[in-house]
């Protein structure tokens, strides 16, 4: 395997230093992520072609590299002016009382396997380690004929919507030569006020100190492999039509049908006993599911993980339409009242941090995120990959495909399961 050589490391701060430190409290959505991995996503580009500023002759390779890196550094610094909490650290206060509680918050600003995994910074850190590590890190890797930009963001600061909001803003500022005026991207909404929480909790929230001190080490897992499964628009339409026809409905979505197809195919390929339980956990965005609604530019977490369950035998027997309808019903059940109750129950006993537990399947991210609109000035990305954070058997990460209307799933599964899927005519649609 080729070895990645680290050339330099820089600490980048916002262009305009803020005069006063600002303490931003963390919500129940945020605090639940203390014990899990950070968000890691990266984009692959063709290597930019630079010319000398004066004589229009091709610049030397070293000069091109220097120019590109300096451009990215300058633009990420300007983007951090807008997303300034990402330049900070997590703050921790251990309360001086008898209940042995502590409070986490954002202290901003400003405090100073696979080959692809080496393209990402800060691998192996849990989110609570943001106390002493940056909340955002970027690594630019030069390949023989391309550039990979890998980004790691602390999940306590924001979810996938916030992550791609930052990435979209950064790429636009870089493409415009460092100009941050009149951006097409909205400025992030940094509020963590009671209006947004709607009486769910008073901030700061106290959690037991042992909850983060006692986070277990990562379990040793069997070897896994990753593949990107590409589903063209026509195949997705076919699955959606089939699922709705089987159940006599018209409201099963394209993504729900596609997730059901993967759930069944992976279960069949794992060759489980008919009575074994198979659970599929799906990250459901809640910005538009709470009252009052949260704007898309809200910088924070607004996601809940919810499960659908079946036995392996029932799932395979009842088929695509039935599985898709179970997913549809679960998502539809996430009403403002349900989400409010979930958060209220968590605040009453704030000791249920999200843990790296084993589950049959888990899907995060969204095909709605604007991945391929990230043009830094040298064209659209060629592809998108995620880092090693939270990789386990059954992790299915969804992205928009490069082709209009297509969807990609980055799947992390055992080699045996992937091989069985490659030989499964039902999965291949042949």
Protein backbone atom coordinates (compact mmCIF):
# COMPACT_ATOMS: atom_id res chain seq x y z
CA UNK A 1 0.00 0.00 0.00
CA UNK A 2 1.39 3.46 -0.87
CA UNK A 3 2.54 5.49 2.12
CA UNK A 4 1.14 8.96 2.80
CA UNK A 5 3.94 11.46 3.53
CA UNK A 6 2.90 14.40 5.70
CA UNK A 7 4.56 17.54 4.37
CA UNK A 8 3.33 20.16 6.82
CA UNK A 9 0.69 20.90 9.44
CA UNK A 10 -0.82 24.33 10.09
CA UNK A 11 -3.21 25.76 12.66
CA UNK A 12 -5.64 28.08 10.92
CA UNK A 13 -7.68 30.69 12.75
CA UNK A 14 -10.45 32.97 11.52
CA UNK A 15 -9.19 35.97 9.55
CA UNK A 16 -10.73 38.45 11.98
CA UNK A 17 -10.16 37.51 15.60
CA UNK A 18 -13.26 38.05 17.74
CA UNK A 19 -12.60 40.23 20.75
CA UNK A 20 -14.69 38.35 23.28
CA UNK A 21 -15.00 34.69 24.04
CA UNK A 22 -18.48 33.40 23.52
CA UNK A 23 -19.89 30.45 25.41
CA UNK A 24 -22.42 28.47 23.38
CA UNK A 25 -24.39 25.88 25.32
CA UNK A 26 -24.91 22.40 23.90
CA UNK A 27 -28.41 20.98 23.46
CA UNK A 28 -29.56 17.41 24.17
CA UNK A 29 -29.13 16.72 20.44
CA UNK A 30 -25.48 17.79 20.72
CA UNK A 31 -24.57 16.15 24.04
CA UNK A 32 -25.76 12.71 22.97
CA UNK A 33 -22.86 12.57 20.51
CA UNK A 34 -20.06 12.92 23.08
CA UNK A 35 -19.16 9.24 23.04
CA UNK A 36 -19.11 8.51 19.31
CA UNK A 37 -16.92 9.31 16.34
CA UNK A 38 -16.67 12.59 14.48
CA UNK A 39 -18.07 13.41 11.04
CA UNK A 40 -15.56 12.67 8.27
CA UNK A 41 -16.25 13.32 4.59
CA UNK A 42 -13.92 14.18 1.73
CA UNK A 43 -14.01 15.05 -1.95
CA UNK A 44 -11.79 13.93 -4.84
CA UNK A 45 -10.93 16.39 -7.62
CA UNK A 46 -8.87 16.42 -10.78
CA UNK A 47 -5.55 18.10 -10.10
CA UNK A 48 -5.89 21.83 -10.95
CA UNK A 49 -3.85 23.28 -13.80
CA UNK A 50 -2.11 26.52 -12.83
CA UNK A 51 -0.25 29.00 -15.01
CA UNK A 52 2.30 31.63 -14.09
CA UNK A 53 0.66 34.95 -13.28
CA UNK A 54 2.97 37.05 -15.52
CA UNK A 55 3.84 35.07 -18.64
CA UNK A 56 0.97 32.53 -18.73
CA UNK A 57 3.50 29.70 -18.87
CA UNK A 58 2.79 26.58 -16.82
CA UNK A 59 4.06 27.05 -13.29
CA UNK A 60 6.38 24.54 -11.66
CA UNK A 61 4.81 21.66 -9.75
CA UNK A 62 6.11 23.02 -6.44
CA UNK A 63 4.74 26.48 -7.18
CA UNK A 64 1.36 25.05 -8.13
CA UNK A 65 1.18 23.05 -4.92
CA UNK A 66 2.14 26.08 -2.84
CA UNK A 67 -0.41 28.30 -4.59
CA UNK A 68 -3.22 25.77 -4.16
CA UNK A 69 -2.48 25.15 -0.47
CA UNK A 70 -2.22 28.87 0.30
CA UNK A 71 -5.52 29.48 -1.51
CA UNK A 72 -7.23 26.78 0.53
CA UNK A 73 -5.71 28.05 3.79
CA UNK A 74 -6.82 31.62 3.12
CA UNK A 75 -10.34 30.61 2.15
CA UNK A 76 -10.85 28.25 5.11
CA UNK A 77 -9.69 31.09 7.40
CA UNK A 78 -12.31 33.39 5.90
CA UNK A 79 -14.96 30.68 6.16
CA UNK A 80 -14.13 30.30 9.85
CA UNK A 81 -15.01 33.98 10.26
CA UNK A 82 -18.55 32.86 9.49
CA UNK A 83 -18.47 29.44 11.21
CA UNK A 84 -16.36 30.70 14.11
CA UNK A 85 -17.49 28.08 16.69
CA UNK A 86 -15.54 25.52 14.64
CA UNK A 87 -12.32 27.37 15.52
CA UNK A 88 -12.83 26.77 19.23
CA UNK A 89 -12.77 23.83 21.62
CA UNK A 90 -15.26 22.06 23.80
CA UNK A 91 -15.42 23.60 27.24
CA UNK A 92 -15.86 21.44 30.35
CA UNK A 93 -16.89 22.48 33.83
CA UNK A 94 -16.95 19.91 36.62
CA UNK A 95 -19.56 21.27 39.01
CA UNK A 96 -18.55 21.83 42.61
CA UNK A 97 -21.41 19.96 44.20
CA UNK A 98 -22.36 16.57 45.58
CA UNK A 99 -24.04 15.16 42.49
CA UNK A 100 -20.78 14.74 40.55
CA UNK A 101 -22.05 16.37 37.39
CA UNK A 102 -20.34 18.33 34.68
CA UNK A 103 -21.33 20.61 31.82
CA UNK A 104 -19.98 20.70 28.28
CA UNK A 105 -20.25 23.75 26.06
CA UNK A 106 -18.67 25.30 22.96
CA UNK A 107 -15.86 27.66 23.89
CA UNK A 108 -15.52 29.90 20.85
CA UNK A 109 -13.50 31.62 19.72
CA UNK A 110 -10.55 31.24 19.80
CA UNK A 111 -8.43 28.52 21.24
CA UNK A 112 -5.40 28.17 19.70
CA UNK A 113 -7.14 0.54 7.14
CA UNK A 114 -7.90 1.77 4.08
CA UNK A 115 -5.65 4.07 2.08
CA UNK A 116 -8.54 6.56 1.93
CA UNK A 117 -8.60 6.69 5.74
CA UNK A 118 -5.13 8.24 5.72
CA UNK A 119 -6.59 11.16 3.75
CA UNK A 120 -8.44 12.33 6.88
CA UNK A 121 -7.12 14.15 9.96
CA UNK A 122 -7.79 13.33 13.63
CA UNK A 123 -8.69 9.69 13.11
CA UNK A 124 -9.65 7.68 16.18
CA UNK A 125 -10.93 10.53 18.36
CA UNK A 126 -14.26 10.54 20.14
CA UNK A 127 -16.22 13.79 20.15
CA UNK A 128 -15.68 14.47 23.87
CA UNK A 129 -11.94 14.73 23.12
CA UNK A 130 -12.75 18.07 21.52
CA UNK A 131 -11.81 19.49 24.92
CA UNK A 132 -8.15 19.33 23.89
CA UNK A 133 -8.37 18.83 20.12
CA UNK A 134 -9.66 21.06 17.31
CA UNK A 135 -13.34 20.91 16.49
CA UNK A 136 -12.50 21.08 12.77
CA UNK A 137 -9.53 19.75 10.84
CA UNK A 138 -8.80 19.65 7.11
CA UNK A 139 -6.23 17.58 5.24
CA UNK A 140 -5.30 18.18 1.59
CA UNK A 141 -3.66 15.16 -0.06
CA UNK A 142 -1.94 15.41 -3.44
CA UNK A 143 -2.35 12.29 -5.58
CA UNK A 144 -0.63 11.47 -8.86
CA UNK A 145 -3.45 13.01 -10.88
CA UNK A 146 -5.78 14.48 -8.32
CA UNK A 147 -6.42 16.32 -5.07
CA UNK A 148 -8.37 14.94 -2.09
CA UNK A 149 -9.76 17.30 0.54
CA UNK A 150 -10.65 15.45 3.73
CA UNK A 151 -12.52 17.20 6.52
CA UNK A 152 -13.21 16.08 10.10
CA UNK A 153 -15.77 17.95 12.24
CA UNK A 154 -16.71 17.30 15.85
CA UNK A 155 -20.23 15.86 15.86
CA UNK A 156 -21.17 17.76 19.03
CA UNK A 157 -20.96 20.98 17.02
CA UNK A 158 -23.22 19.94 14.18
CA UNK A 159 -24.77 17.21 12.06
CA UNK A 160 -24.44 16.39 8.37
CA UNK A 161 -26.50 19.43 7.37
CA UNK A 162 -24.11 21.70 9.28
CA UNK A 163 -21.06 19.87 7.93
CA UNK A 164 -22.01 20.36 4.28
CA UNK A 165 -23.16 23.94 4.95
CA UNK A 166 -19.60 24.68 6.06
CA UNK A 167 -18.09 22.81 3.08
CA UNK A 168 -20.39 24.56 0.58
CA UNK A 169 -19.53 27.98 2.05
CA UNK A 170 -15.81 27.27 2.06
CA UNK A 171 -15.73 26.10 -1.56
CA UNK A 172 -17.71 29.16 -2.67
CA UNK A 173 -15.33 31.57 -0.89
CA UNK A 174 -12.33 29.79 -2.40
CA UNK A 175 -13.87 29.79 -5.90
CA UNK A 176 -14.52 33.53 -5.62
CA UNK A 177 -10.90 34.25 -4.81
CA UNK A 178 -11.47 34.83 -1.12
CA UNK A 179 -14.48 37.11 -1.46
CA UNK A 180 -17.01 36.46 1.29
CA UNK A 181 -19.46 39.21 0.30
CA UNK A 182 -22.95 38.34 -0.97
CA UNK A 183 -22.53 34.58 -0.67
CA UNK A 184 -25.22 32.35 -2.08
CA UNK A 185 -24.91 30.30 1.13
CA UNK A 186 -26.76 31.70 4.16
CA UNK A 187 -24.80 32.57 7.29
CA UNK A 188 -25.03 29.91 10.00
CA UNK A 189 -27.63 30.36 12.72
CA UNK A 190 -25.73 29.97 16.00
CA UNK A 191 -28.60 30.31 18.42
CA UNK A 192 -29.13 27.79 21.20
CA UNK A 193 -31.91 29.72 22.87
CA UNK A 194 -35.06 28.69 24.69
CA UNK A 195 -37.22 29.50 21.70
CA UNK A 196 -35.55 26.71 19.73
CA UNK A 197 -35.70 24.31 22.66
CA UNK A 198 -39.32 25.29 23.31
CA UNK A 199 -39.11 24.62 27.02
CA UNK A 200 -37.51 21.18 26.68
CA UNK A 201 -34.52 22.02 28.86
CA UNK A 202 -32.73 24.81 30.68
CA UNK A 203 -29.13 25.29 29.60
CA UNK A 204 -26.50 24.29 30.56
CA UNK A 205 -27.47 20.64 30.94
CA UNK A 206 -25.65 18.66 33.62
CA UNK A 207 -24.49 15.14 32.82
CA UNK A 208 -22.74 12.67 35.13
CA UNK A 209 -18.97 12.90 34.92
CA UNK A 210 -18.53 9.15 34.54
CA UNK A 211 -20.54 9.20 31.34
CA UNK A 212 -17.62 10.47 29.31
CA UNK A 213 -14.79 9.26 31.57
CA UNK A 214 -16.19 5.75 31.32
CA UNK A 215 -16.60 5.51 27.53
CA UNK A 216 -15.24 2.05 26.61
CA UNK A 217 -12.46 1.39 24.16
CA UNK A 218 -13.36 0.51 20.60
CA UNK A 219 -14.26 -3.15 20.16
CA UNK A 220 -12.05 -5.36 18.02
CA UNK A 221 -13.97 -6.15 14.87
CA UNK A 222 -13.58 -8.69 12.10
CA UNK A 223 -12.07 -7.40 8.82
CA UNK A 224 -14.47 -5.28 6.83
CA UNK A 225 -14.53 -3.99 3.28
CA UNK A 226 -16.10 -0.95 1.67
CA UNK A 227 -17.80 -0.58 -1.67
CA UNK A 228 -19.69 2.26 -3.31
CA UNK A 229 -22.95 0.98 -4.80
CA UNK A 230 -24.26 3.24 -7.55
CA UNK A 231 -28.00 3.26 -8.27
CA UNK A 232 -28.97 5.13 -11.45
CA UNK A 233 -32.18 7.11 -11.64
CA UNK A 234 -33.94 4.41 -13.69
CA UNK A 235 -33.20 1.65 -11.17
CA UNK A 236 -34.39 3.81 -8.28
CA UNK A 237 -37.65 4.62 -10.09
CA UNK A 238 -38.18 0.91 -10.71
CA UNK A 239 -37.73 0.03 -7.03
CA UNK A 240 -40.02 2.87 -5.92
CA UNK A 241 -42.77 1.81 -8.34
CA UNK A 242 -42.47 -1.82 -7.28
CA UNK A 243 -42.66 -1.02 -3.55
CA UNK A 244 -45.73 1.20 -3.95
CA UNK A 245 -47.46 -1.30 -6.25
CA UNK A 246 -46.92 -4.16 -3.81
CA UNK A 247 -48.54 -2.20 -0.97
CA UNK A 248 -51.18 -0.32 -3.00
CA UNK A 249 -49.76 3.07 -2.02
CA UNK A 250 -48.16 6.08 -3.66
CA UNK A 251 -46.24 7.62 -0.74
CA UNK A 252 -43.22 5.33 -0.35
CA UNK A 253 -40.28 7.49 -1.39
CA UNK A 254 -37.36 6.62 -3.65
CA UNK A 255 -34.91 6.53 -0.73
CA UNK A 256 -37.23 4.41 1.41
CA UNK A 257 -37.56 1.85 -1.39
CA UNK A 258 -33.80 1.84 -1.91
CA UNK A 259 -33.06 1.36 1.80
CA UNK A 260 -35.58 -1.49 1.92
CA UNK A 261 -33.88 -3.11 -1.08
CA UNK A 262 -30.50 -2.96 0.70
CA UNK A 263 -31.96 -4.19 4.01
CA UNK A 264 -33.41 -7.28 2.35
CA UNK A 265 -30.37 -7.96 0.15
CA UNK A 266 -27.84 -7.67 2.98
CA UNK A 267 -29.98 -9.81 5.28
CA UNK A 268 -30.29 -12.50 2.61
CA UNK A 269 -26.55 -12.36 1.86
CA UNK A 270 -25.65 -12.74 5.53
CA UNK A 271 -27.46 -16.10 5.54
CA UNK A 272 -29.00 -15.60 8.97
CA UNK A 273 -31.35 -17.96 10.73
CA UNK A 274 -35.01 -17.16 9.98
CA UNK A 275 -35.76 -16.23 13.62
CA UNK A 276 -32.80 -13.86 14.06
CA UNK A 277 -33.78 -10.24 14.66
CA UNK A 278 -32.58 -7.71 12.09
CA UNK A 279 -32.77 -4.01 12.96
CA UNK A 280 -32.24 -1.05 10.66
CA UNK A 281 -31.44 2.27 12.34
CA UNK A 282 -31.93 5.39 10.25
CA UNK A 283 -30.84 8.93 11.10
CA UNK A 284 -33.94 11.11 10.69
CA UNK A 285 -33.48 14.83 10.24
CA UNK A 286 -35.73 16.88 12.54
CA UNK A 287 -35.22 20.49 11.48
CA UNK A 288 -38.67 20.57 9.88
CA UNK A 289 -40.19 18.09 12.34
CA UNK A 290 -40.05 20.22 15.48
CA UNK A 291 -42.07 23.25 16.59
CA UNK A 292 -40.90 25.87 16.04
CA UNK A 293 -39.03 24.57 13.02
CA UNK A 294 -35.29 25.03 12.79
CA UNK A 295 -33.76 26.76 9.76
CA UNK A 296 -31.54 24.67 7.49
CA UNK A 297 -28.62 26.96 8.40
CA UNK A 298 -28.94 26.11 12.13
CA UNK A 299 -25.41 25.19 13.26
CA UNK A 300 -25.98 22.25 15.56
CA UNK A 301 -27.48 18.78 15.70
CA UNK A 302 -31.09 18.11 14.81
CA UNK A 303 -31.20 14.38 14.12
CA UNK A 304 -32.66 11.37 15.90
CA UNK A 305 -31.79 7.74 15.24
CA UNK A 306 -34.82 5.45 14.94
CA UNK A 307 -35.12 1.74 14.21
CA UNK A 308 -37.31 -0.63 12.26
CA UNK A 309 -37.12 -4.29 13.25
CA UNK A 310 -38.05 -7.65 11.84
CA UNK A 311 -36.84 -11.22 11.84
CA UNK A 312 -34.64 -12.26 8.95
CA UNK A 313 -37.21 -14.78 7.72
CA UNK A 314 -40.14 -12.35 7.83
CA UNK A 315 -38.18 -9.60 6.08
CA UNK A 316 -37.06 -11.75 3.17
CA UNK A 317 -40.46 -13.42 2.82
CA UNK A 318 -42.59 -10.26 2.88
CA UNK A 319 -40.33 -8.43 0.46
CA UNK A 320 -39.62 -4.95 -0.81
CA UNK A 321 -42.99 -3.24 -0.42
CA UNK A 322 -43.53 -4.43 3.14
CA UNK A 323 -40.01 -3.45 4.24
CA UNK A 324 -40.27 -0.02 2.61
CA UNK A 325 -43.63 0.62 4.26
CA UNK A 326 -42.16 -0.17 7.72
CA UNK A 327 -39.44 2.41 7.08
CA UNK A 328 -42.05 4.89 5.83
CA UNK A 329 -44.21 4.44 8.94
CA UNK A 330 -41.25 4.83 11.29
CA UNK A 331 -40.17 8.10 9.67
CA UNK A 332 -43.75 9.42 9.57
CA UNK A 333 -44.10 8.70 13.30
CA UNK A 334 -41.40 11.28 14.13
CA UNK A 335 -43.87 14.04 14.95
CA UNK A 336 -43.04 17.19 16.92
CA UNK A 337 -44.69 15.59 19.96
CA UNK A 338 -42.64 12.39 19.62
CA UNK A 339 -39.36 14.26 19.23
CA UNK A 340 -40.17 16.59 22.11
CA UNK A 341 -40.93 13.63 24.39
CA UNK A 342 -37.70 11.90 23.36
CA UNK A 343 -35.62 14.96 24.25
CA UNK A 344 -37.51 15.61 27.50
CA UNK A 345 -36.96 12.00 28.60
CA UNK A 346 -33.26 12.29 27.79
CA UNK A 347 -32.89 15.52 29.78
CA UNK A 348 -34.55 13.89 32.81
CA UNK A 349 -31.85 11.23 32.75
CA UNK A 350 -28.99 12.61 30.63
CA UNK A 351 -26.83 9.52 30.87
CA UNK A 352 -27.72 7.86 27.60
CA UNK A 353 -24.96 9.02 25.31
CA UNK A 354 -24.92 7.48 21.87
CA UNK A 355 -22.58 4.48 22.02
CA UNK A 356 -20.84 2.48 19.32
CA UNK A 357 -23.18 -0.47 19.71
CA UNK A 358 -23.61 -3.23 17.20
CA UNK A 359 -26.76 -3.12 15.11
CA UNK A 360 -27.74 -4.86 11.90
CA UNK A 361 -27.69 -1.78 9.65
CA UNK A 362 -27.35 1.96 10.11
CA UNK A 363 -27.82 4.72 7.51
CA UNK A 364 -26.65 8.28 8.00
CA UNK A 365 -26.09 11.29 5.75
CA UNK A 366 -28.52 12.31 2.98
CA UNK A 367 -28.77 12.34 -0.78
CA UNK A 368 -30.03 15.93 -0.49
CA UNK A 369 -26.67 17.33 0.65
CA UNK A 370 -24.99 19.39 -2.07
CA UNK A 371 -21.83 17.34 -2.47
CA UNK A 372 -21.11 17.88 -6.15
CA UNK A 373 -21.70 21.63 -6.00
CA UNK A 374 -18.42 22.07 -4.08
CA UNK A 375 -16.33 23.77 -6.75
CA UNK A 376 -13.18 25.35 -5.26
CA UNK A 377 -12.30 26.89 -8.60
CA UNK A 378 -11.10 23.84 -10.48
CA UNK A 379 -14.37 22.07 -11.30
CA UNK A 380 -16.84 19.66 -9.75
CA UNK A 381 -15.67 16.81 -7.51
CA UNK A 382 -15.15 13.40 -9.09
CA UNK A 383 -16.34 11.51 -6.03
CA UNK A 384 -16.98 11.55 -2.30
CA UNK A 385 -15.77 9.22 0.43
CA UNK A 386 -16.06 9.10 4.21
CA UNK A 387 -13.32 8.50 6.78
CA UNK A 388 -12.92 5.70 9.33
CA UNK A 389 -15.17 7.32 11.95
CA UNK A 390 -18.01 5.04 13.08
CA UNK A 391 -17.18 2.35 10.52
CA UNK A 392 -18.71 -0.98 11.46
CA UNK A 393 -20.37 -3.93 9.81
CA UNK A 394 -23.62 -2.59 8.39
CA UNK A 395 -22.79 1.13 8.09
CA UNK A 396 -24.49 2.43 4.94
CA UNK A 397 -23.72 6.06 4.09
CA UNK A 398 -25.95 7.69 1.48
CA UNK A 399 -24.79 10.37 -0.96
CA UNK A 400 -26.19 11.96 -4.07
CA UNK A 401 -24.69 10.34 -7.16
CA UNK A 402 -22.66 12.27 -9.69
CA UNK A 403 -25.39 11.74 -12.29
CA UNK A 404 -28.63 13.70 -11.90
CA UNK A 405 -31.19 11.69 -9.91
CA UNK A 406 -28.79 8.88 -9.00
CA UNK A 407 -27.90 7.80 -5.45
CA UNK A 408 -24.73 6.21 -4.10
CA UNK A 409 -24.43 4.09 -0.96
CA UNK A 410 -21.00 3.67 0.60
CA UNK A 411 -21.41 0.31 2.34
CA UNK A 412 -19.17 -1.18 5.01
CA UNK A 413 -19.71 -4.94 5.25
CA UNK A 414 -17.86 -8.21 5.73
CA UNK A 415 -16.08 -9.58 2.64
CA UNK A 416 -18.38 -12.61 2.71
CA UNK A 417 -21.53 -10.46 2.62
CA UNK A 418 -20.22 -8.30 -0.22
CA UNK A 419 -19.29 -11.37 -2.25
CA UNK A 420 -22.72 -12.91 -1.72
CA UNK A 421 -24.39 -9.66 -2.84
CA UNK A 422 -22.24 -9.60 -5.99
CA UNK A 423 -23.57 -13.05 -6.84
CA UNK A 424 -27.21 -12.35 -5.93
CA UNK A 425 -29.38 -11.90 -9.05
CA UNK A 426 -32.23 -10.42 -6.98
CA UNK A 427 -29.98 -7.66 -5.67
CA UNK A 428 -28.48 -7.02 -9.10
CA UNK A 429 -31.92 -6.89 -10.69
CA UNK A 430 -31.04 -9.48 -13.31
